[in-house]
Amino acid sequence: MPGSSLTAVVRPAVEADVPRIAAICSNGYRDAYRELLPEGYIERSVVEFYSEARVAKEIAPAPPGWFGYQVVEEDGLVLGAAGGGMTGPAAGELSRVYLDSSARDGGLDTLLMDRITEQIRAAGGTELWVSVFLGDRAGIGFYRARGFQPVDTVRAALSRVDDHISSLRMCRGLE
């Protein structure tokens, strides 16, 4: 079964993965938020964070703030990408997790999140943070099911004052 966590491998991304990562993240972002966020905000975010040029700059690790992209692949095909890094001496951030639409519901998102968690723990992190758009029931449910608890509400990245787009900050401890 494509997208099965039983046959998938998580590995650090390489330069050859850039086009696939950009496509997965861009399409995943659009799919996830088309019913929740204004189209202009979505496109602004995709251009800012998931263009091939931006992804290419972020392939390599730049610790402690960025550990580089991690990808999950099966039979040589990249099916998902994730990334994160440290935001403080004990705090890490899961910045993104996206899967190809053909690979959803197979547990690959959890494999990617587990890799970022391992990186943060290895860097001395004792807590993992994530931001989820308010109203994103699926995202909030995903993180709650994995032990994250709501902590605060903040203005979302790239949100303009007139957008009124907020994110829920969630955290879980790393034992």
C-alpha atoms as a PDB file:
ATOM      1  CA  MET A   1       0.000   0.000   0.000  1.00  0.00           C
ATOM      2  CA  PRO A   2       1.537   3.380  -0.943  1.00  0.00           C
ATOM      3  CA  GLY A   3       2.124   5.557   2.072  1.00  0.00           C
ATOM      4  CA  SER A   4       2.429   2.645   4.496  1.00  0.00           C
ATOM      5  CA  SER A   5       4.564   3.323   7.543  1.00  0.00           C
ATOM      6  CA  LEU A   6       5.740  -0.310   7.380  1.00  0.00           C
ATOM      7  CA  THR A   7       7.850   0.173   4.250  1.00  0.00           C
ATOM      8  CA  ALA A   8       8.675   3.877   4.488  1.00  0.00           C
ATOM      9  CA  VAL A   9      12.094   5.328   5.315  1.00  0.00           C
ATOM     10  CA  VAL A  10      12.716   8.715   6.908  1.00  0.00           C
ATOM     11  CA  ARG A  11      15.990  10.387   5.928  1.00  0.00           C
ATOM     12  CA  PRO A  12      17.615  13.807   5.665  1.00  0.00           C
ATOM     13  CA  ALA A  13      16.635  15.583   2.455  1.00  0.00           C
ATOM     14  CA  VAL A  14      19.177  16.124  -0.312  1.00  0.00           C
ATOM     15  CA  GLU A  15      19.311  18.713  -3.086  1.00  0.00           C
ATOM     16  CA  ALA A  16      17.626  16.363  -5.566  1.00  0.00           C
ATOM     17  CA  ASP A  17      14.542  16.345  -3.289  1.00  0.00           C
ATOM     18  CA  VAL A  18      13.929  20.105  -3.600  1.00  0.00           C
ATOM     19  CA  PRO A  19      11.289  20.048  -6.381  1.00  0.00           C
ATOM     20  CA  ARG A  20       9.350  17.240  -4.709  1.00  0.00           C
ATOM     21  CA  ILE A  21       9.467  18.905  -1.269  1.00  0.00           C
ATOM     22  CA  ALA A  22       8.323  22.228  -2.727  1.00  0.00           C
ATOM     23  CA  ALA A  23       5.422  20.527  -4.517  1.00  0.00           C
ATOM     24  CA  ILE A  24       4.340  18.453  -1.496  1.00  0.00           C
ATOM     25  CA  CYS A  25       4.476  21.415   0.888  1.00  0.00           C
ATOM     26  CA  SER A  26       2.784  23.852  -1.505  1.00  0.00           C
ATOM     27  CA  ASN A  27      -0.009  21.452  -2.442  1.00  0.00           C
ATOM     28  CA  GLY A  28      -0.411  20.255   1.141  1.00  0.00           C
ATOM     29  CA  TYR A  29      -0.690  23.810   2.436  1.00  0.00           C
ATOM     30  CA  ARG A  30      -3.270  24.741  -0.192  1.00  0.00           C
ATOM     31  CA  ASP A  31      -5.296  21.559   0.421  1.00  0.00           C
ATOM     32  CA  ALA A  32      -5.230  21.900   4.193  1.00  0.00           C
ATOM     33  CA  TYR A  33      -6.293  25.534   4.375  1.00  0.00           C
ATOM     34  CA  ARG A  34      -8.420  26.330   1.303  1.00  0.00           C
ATOM     35  CA  GLU A  35     -11.625  26.225   3.368  1.00  0.00           C
ATOM     36  CA  LEU A  36     -10.086  28.031   6.348  1.00  0.00           C
ATOM     37  CA  LEU A  37      -7.881  30.885   5.117  1.00  0.00           C
ATOM     38  CA  PRO A  38      -8.162  33.631   2.498  1.00  0.00           C
ATOM     39  CA  GLU A  39      -6.675  32.682  -0.886  1.00  0.00           C
ATOM     40  CA  GLY A  40      -4.324  35.679  -0.836  1.00  0.00           C
ATOM     41  CA  TYR A  41      -2.874  34.622   2.506  1.00  0.00           C
ATOM     42  CA  ILE A  42      -2.424  31.044   1.304  1.00  0.00           C
ATOM     43  CA  GLU A  43      -0.584  32.099  -1.846  1.00  0.00           C
ATOM     44  CA  ARG A  44       1.553  34.611   0.058  1.00  0.00           C
ATOM     45  CA  SER A  45       2.567  31.847   2.477  1.00  0.00           C
ATOM     46  CA  VAL A  46       3.266  29.289  -0.272  1.00  0.00           C
ATOM     47  CA  VAL A  47       5.501  31.749  -2.139  1.00  0.00           C
ATOM     48  CA  GLU A  48       7.318  32.789   1.044  1.00  0.00           C
ATOM     49  CA  PHE A  49       7.907  29.357   2.574  1.00  0.00           C
ATOM     50  CA  TYR A  50       7.612  26.675  -0.120  1.00  0.00           C
ATOM     51  CA  SER A  51       9.083  28.019  -3.341  1.00  0.00           C
ATOM     52  CA  GLU A  52      11.844  25.833  -4.756  1.00  0.00           C
ATOM     53  CA  ALA A  53      14.363  28.622  -4.070  1.00  0.00           C
ATOM     54  CA  ARG A  54      13.384  28.795  -0.378  1.00  0.00           C
ATOM     55  CA  VAL A  55      13.322  25.011   0.028  1.00  0.00           C
ATOM     56  CA  ALA A  56      16.762  24.774  -1.622  1.00  0.00           C
ATOM     57  CA  LYS A  57      18.158  27.247   0.926  1.00  0.00           C
ATOM     58  CA  GLU A  58      16.703  25.185   3.773  1.00  0.00           C
ATOM     59  CA  ILE A  59      17.756  21.681   2.670  1.00  0.00           C
ATOM     60  CA  ALA A  60      20.949  21.810   4.709  1.00  0.00           C
ATOM     61  CA  PRO A  61      20.838  21.950   8.490  1.00  0.00           C
ATOM     62  CA  ALA A  62      21.632  25.254  10.209  1.00  0.00           C
ATOM     63  CA  PRO A  63      21.528  24.200  13.859  1.00  0.00           C
ATOM     64  CA  PRO A  64      20.333  24.934  16.367  1.00  0.00           C
ATOM     65  CA  GLY A  65      17.429  26.839  14.780  1.00  0.00           C
ATOM     66  CA  TRP A  66      16.930  24.518  11.809  1.00  0.00           C
ATOM     67  CA  PHE A  67      17.857  20.852  11.479  1.00  0.00           C
ATOM     68  CA  GLY A  68      17.218  20.719   7.739  1.00  0.00           C
ATOM     69  CA  TYR A  69      14.366  19.070   5.913  1.00  0.00           C
ATOM     70  CA  GLN A  70      13.581  15.445   6.656  1.00  0.00           C
ATOM     71  CA  VAL A  71      11.706  13.392   4.068  1.00  0.00           C
ATOM     72  CA  VAL A  72       9.827  10.129   4.125  1.00  0.00           C
ATOM     73  CA  GLU A  73      10.110   7.954   1.050  1.00  0.00           C
ATOM     74  CA  GLU A  74       8.821   4.658  -0.160  1.00  0.00           C
ATOM     75  CA  ASP A  75      10.192   2.761  -3.160  1.00  0.00           C
ATOM     76  CA  GLY A  76      12.369   5.775  -4.013  1.00  0.00           C
ATOM     77  CA  LEU A  77       9.480   8.280  -4.065  1.00  0.00           C
ATOM     78  CA  VAL A  78       9.414  11.135  -1.556  1.00  0.00           C
ATOM     79  CA  LEU A  79       5.943  11.181  -0.007  1.00  0.00           C
ATOM     80  CA  GLY A  80       6.352  13.782   2.723  1.00  0.00           C
ATOM     81  CA  ALA A  81       8.581  16.391   4.307  1.00  0.00           C
ATOM     82  CA  ALA A  82       9.045  17.950   7.730  1.00  0.00           C
ATOM     83  CA  GLY A  83      11.377  20.293   9.535  1.00  0.00           C
ATOM     84  CA  GLY A  84      12.100  21.917  12.838  1.00  0.00           C
ATOM     85  CA  GLY A  85      14.755  23.151  15.186  1.00  0.00           C
ATOM     86  CA  MET A  86      15.496  24.696  18.535  1.00  0.00           C
ATOM     87  CA  THR A  87      13.949  28.006  19.601  1.00  0.00           C
ATOM     88  CA  GLY A  88      15.585  28.115  23.027  1.00  0.00           C
ATOM     89  CA  PRO A  89      17.886  26.076  25.272  1.00  0.00           C
ATOM     90  CA  ALA A  90      15.182  23.497  26.047  1.00  0.00           C
ATOM     91  CA  ALA A  91      12.459  24.337  23.522  1.00  0.00           C
ATOM     92  CA  GLY A  92      12.119  22.906  20.038  1.00  0.00           C
ATOM     93  CA  GLU A  93       9.679  23.738  17.250  1.00  0.00           C
ATOM     94  CA  LEU A  94       8.060  21.438  14.716  1.00  0.00           C
ATOM     95  CA  SER A  95       7.822  23.942  11.864  1.00  0.00           C
ATOM     96  CA  ARG A  96       6.106  21.862   9.203  1.00  0.00           C
ATOM     97  CA  VAL A  97       4.838  18.412   8.299  1.00  0.00           C
ATOM     98  CA  TYR A  98       3.261  17.796   4.888  1.00  0.00           C
ATOM     99  CA  LEU A  99       2.394  14.654   2.959  1.00  0.00           C
ATOM    100  CA  ASP A 100       1.561  13.977  -0.655  1.00  0.00           C
ATOM    101  CA  SER A 101      -2.202  13.545  -1.013  1.00  0.00           C
ATOM    102  CA  SER A 102      -1.673   9.902  -2.025  1.00  0.00           C
ATOM    103  CA  ALA A 103       0.053   9.141   1.280  1.00  0.00           C
ATOM    104  CA  ARG A 104      -2.304  10.588   3.863  1.00  0.00           C
ATOM    105  CA  ASP A 105      -3.776   8.389   6.583  1.00  0.00           C
ATOM    106  CA  GLY A 106      -0.848   5.949   6.533  1.00  0.00           C
ATOM    107  CA  GLY A 107       1.024   7.191   9.598  1.00  0.00           C
ATOM    108  CA  LEU A 108       3.823   8.846   7.639  1.00  0.00           C
ATOM    109  CA  ASP A 109       3.122  12.201   9.301  1.00  0.00           C
ATOM    110  CA  THR A 110       3.798  10.573  12.671  1.00  0.00           C
ATOM    111  CA  LEU A 111       7.065   9.077  11.395  1.00  0.00           C
ATOM    112  CA  LEU A 112       8.208  12.536  10.299  1.00  0.00           C
ATOM    113  CA  MET A 113       7.137  14.134  13.570  1.00  0.00           C
ATOM    114  CA  ASP A 114       9.000  11.418  15.471  1.00  0.00           C
ATOM    115  CA  ARG A 115      12.198  12.227  13.534  1.00  0.00           C
ATOM    116  CA  ILE A 116      11.943  15.940  14.391  1.00  0.00           C
ATOM    117  CA  THR A 117      11.235  14.993  18.014  1.00  0.00           C
ATOM    118  CA  GLU A 118      14.396  12.835  18.079  1.00  0.00           C
ATOM    119  CA  GLN A 119      16.459  15.730  16.693  1.00  0.00           C
ATOM    120  CA  ILE A 120      15.110  18.148  19.283  1.00  0.00           C
ATOM    121  CA  ARG A 121      15.632  15.696  22.127  1.00  0.00           C
ATOM    122  CA  ALA A 122      19.223  15.053  20.952  1.00  0.00           C
ATOM    123  CA  ALA A 123      19.837  18.825  21.002  1.00  0.00           C
ATOM    124  CA  GLY A 124      18.753  19.011  24.646  1.00  0.00           C
ATOM    125  CA  GLY A 125      15.104  19.872  24.090  1.00  0.00           C
ATOM    126  CA  THR A 126      12.640  18.982  26.815  1.00  0.00           C
ATOM    127  CA  GLU A 127       9.558  20.432  25.139  1.00  0.00           C
ATOM    128  CA  LEU A 128       8.205  20.494  21.596  1.00  0.00           C
ATOM    129  CA  TRP A 129       6.086  23.371  20.278  1.00  0.00           C
ATOM    130  CA  VAL A 130       3.874  23.685  17.219  1.00  0.00           C
ATOM    131  CA  SER A 131       1.592  26.374  15.784  1.00  0.00           C
ATOM    132  CA  VAL A 132      -1.785  25.417  14.321  1.00  0.00           C
ATOM    133  CA  PHE A 133      -4.236  27.814  12.699  1.00  0.00           C
ATOM    134  CA  LEU A 134      -7.289  28.499  14.829  1.00  0.00           C
ATOM    135  CA  GLY A 135     -10.177  26.621  13.285  1.00  0.00           C
ATOM    136  CA  ASP A 136      -7.970  23.844  11.885  1.00  0.00           C
ATOM    137  CA  ARG A 137      -9.857  21.025  13.597  1.00  0.00           C
ATOM    138  CA  ALA A 138      -7.911  18.277  11.849  1.00  0.00           C
ATOM    139  CA  GLY A 139      -4.528  19.787  12.749  1.00  0.00           C
ATOM    140  CA  ILE A 140      -5.484  20.518  16.343  1.00  0.00           C
ATOM    141  CA  GLY A 141      -6.902  16.989  16.690  1.00  0.00           C
ATOM    142  CA  PHE A 142      -3.737  15.454  15.215  1.00  0.00           C
ATOM    143  CA  TYR A 143      -1.503  17.234  17.721  1.00  0.00           C
ATOM    144  CA  ARG A 144      -3.828  16.698  20.702  1.00  0.00           C
ATOM    145  CA  ALA A 145      -3.823  12.959  19.938  1.00  0.00           C
ATOM    146  CA  ARG A 146      -0.026  13.092  20.219  1.00  0.00           C
ATOM    147  CA  GLY A 147       0.032  14.777  23.613  1.00  0.00           C
ATOM    148  CA  PHE A 148       0.146  18.468  22.675  1.00  0.00           C
ATOM    149  CA  GLN A 149      -1.819  20.894  24.822  1.00  0.00           C
ATOM    150  CA  PRO A 150      -2.993  24.403  23.877  1.00  0.00           C
ATOM    151  CA  VAL A 151      -0.967  27.169  25.544  1.00  0.00           C
ATOM    152  CA  ASP A 152      -1.557  30.496  23.795  1.00  0.00           C
ATOM    153  CA  THR A 153      -3.035  32.223  20.755  1.00  0.00           C
ATOM    154  CA  VAL A 154      -0.819  34.447  18.598  1.00  0.00           C
ATOM    155  CA  ARG A 155      -1.048  36.284  15.285  1.00  0.00           C
ATOM    156  CA  ALA A 156      -0.055  33.867  12.524  1.00  0.00           C
ATOM    157  CA  ALA A 157       3.171  34.301  10.563  1.00  0.00           C
ATOM    158  CA  LEU A 158       2.677  36.612   7.558  1.00  0.00           C
ATOM    159  CA  SER A 159      -0.743  37.658   8.858  1.00  0.00           C
ATOM    160  CA  ARG A 160      -1.502  41.312   8.302  1.00  0.00           C
ATOM    161  CA  VAL A 161      -3.441  43.293  10.856  1.00  0.00           C
ATOM    162  CA  ASP A 162      -6.506  43.227   8.583  1.00  0.00           C
ATOM    163  CA  ASP A 163      -6.265  39.426   8.022  1.00  0.00           C
ATOM    164  CA  HIS A 164      -7.092  38.576  11.639  1.00  0.00           C
ATOM    165  CA  ILE A 165      -5.436  35.157  11.210  1.00  0.00           C
ATOM    166  CA  SER A 166      -4.363  33.553  14.457  1.00  0.00           C
ATOM    167  CA  SER A 167      -2.472  30.436  15.428  1.00  0.00           C
ATOM    168  CA  LEU A 168      -2.873  28.254  18.458  1.00  0.00           C
ATOM    169  CA  ARG A 169       0.474  27.535  20.128  1.00  0.00           C
ATOM    170  CA  MET A 170       0.592  23.981  21.458  1.00  0.00           C
ATOM    171  CA  CYS A 171       3.272  22.209  23.485  1.00  0.00           C
ATOM    172  CA  ARG A 172       4.145  18.779  24.807  1.00  0.00           C
ATOM    173  CA  GLY A 173       6.924  17.636  27.086  1.00  0.00           C
ATOM    174  CA  LEU A 174       9.671  15.325  25.864  1.00  0.00           C
ATOM    175  CA  GLU A 175      10.505  12.731  28.483  1.00  0.00           C
END
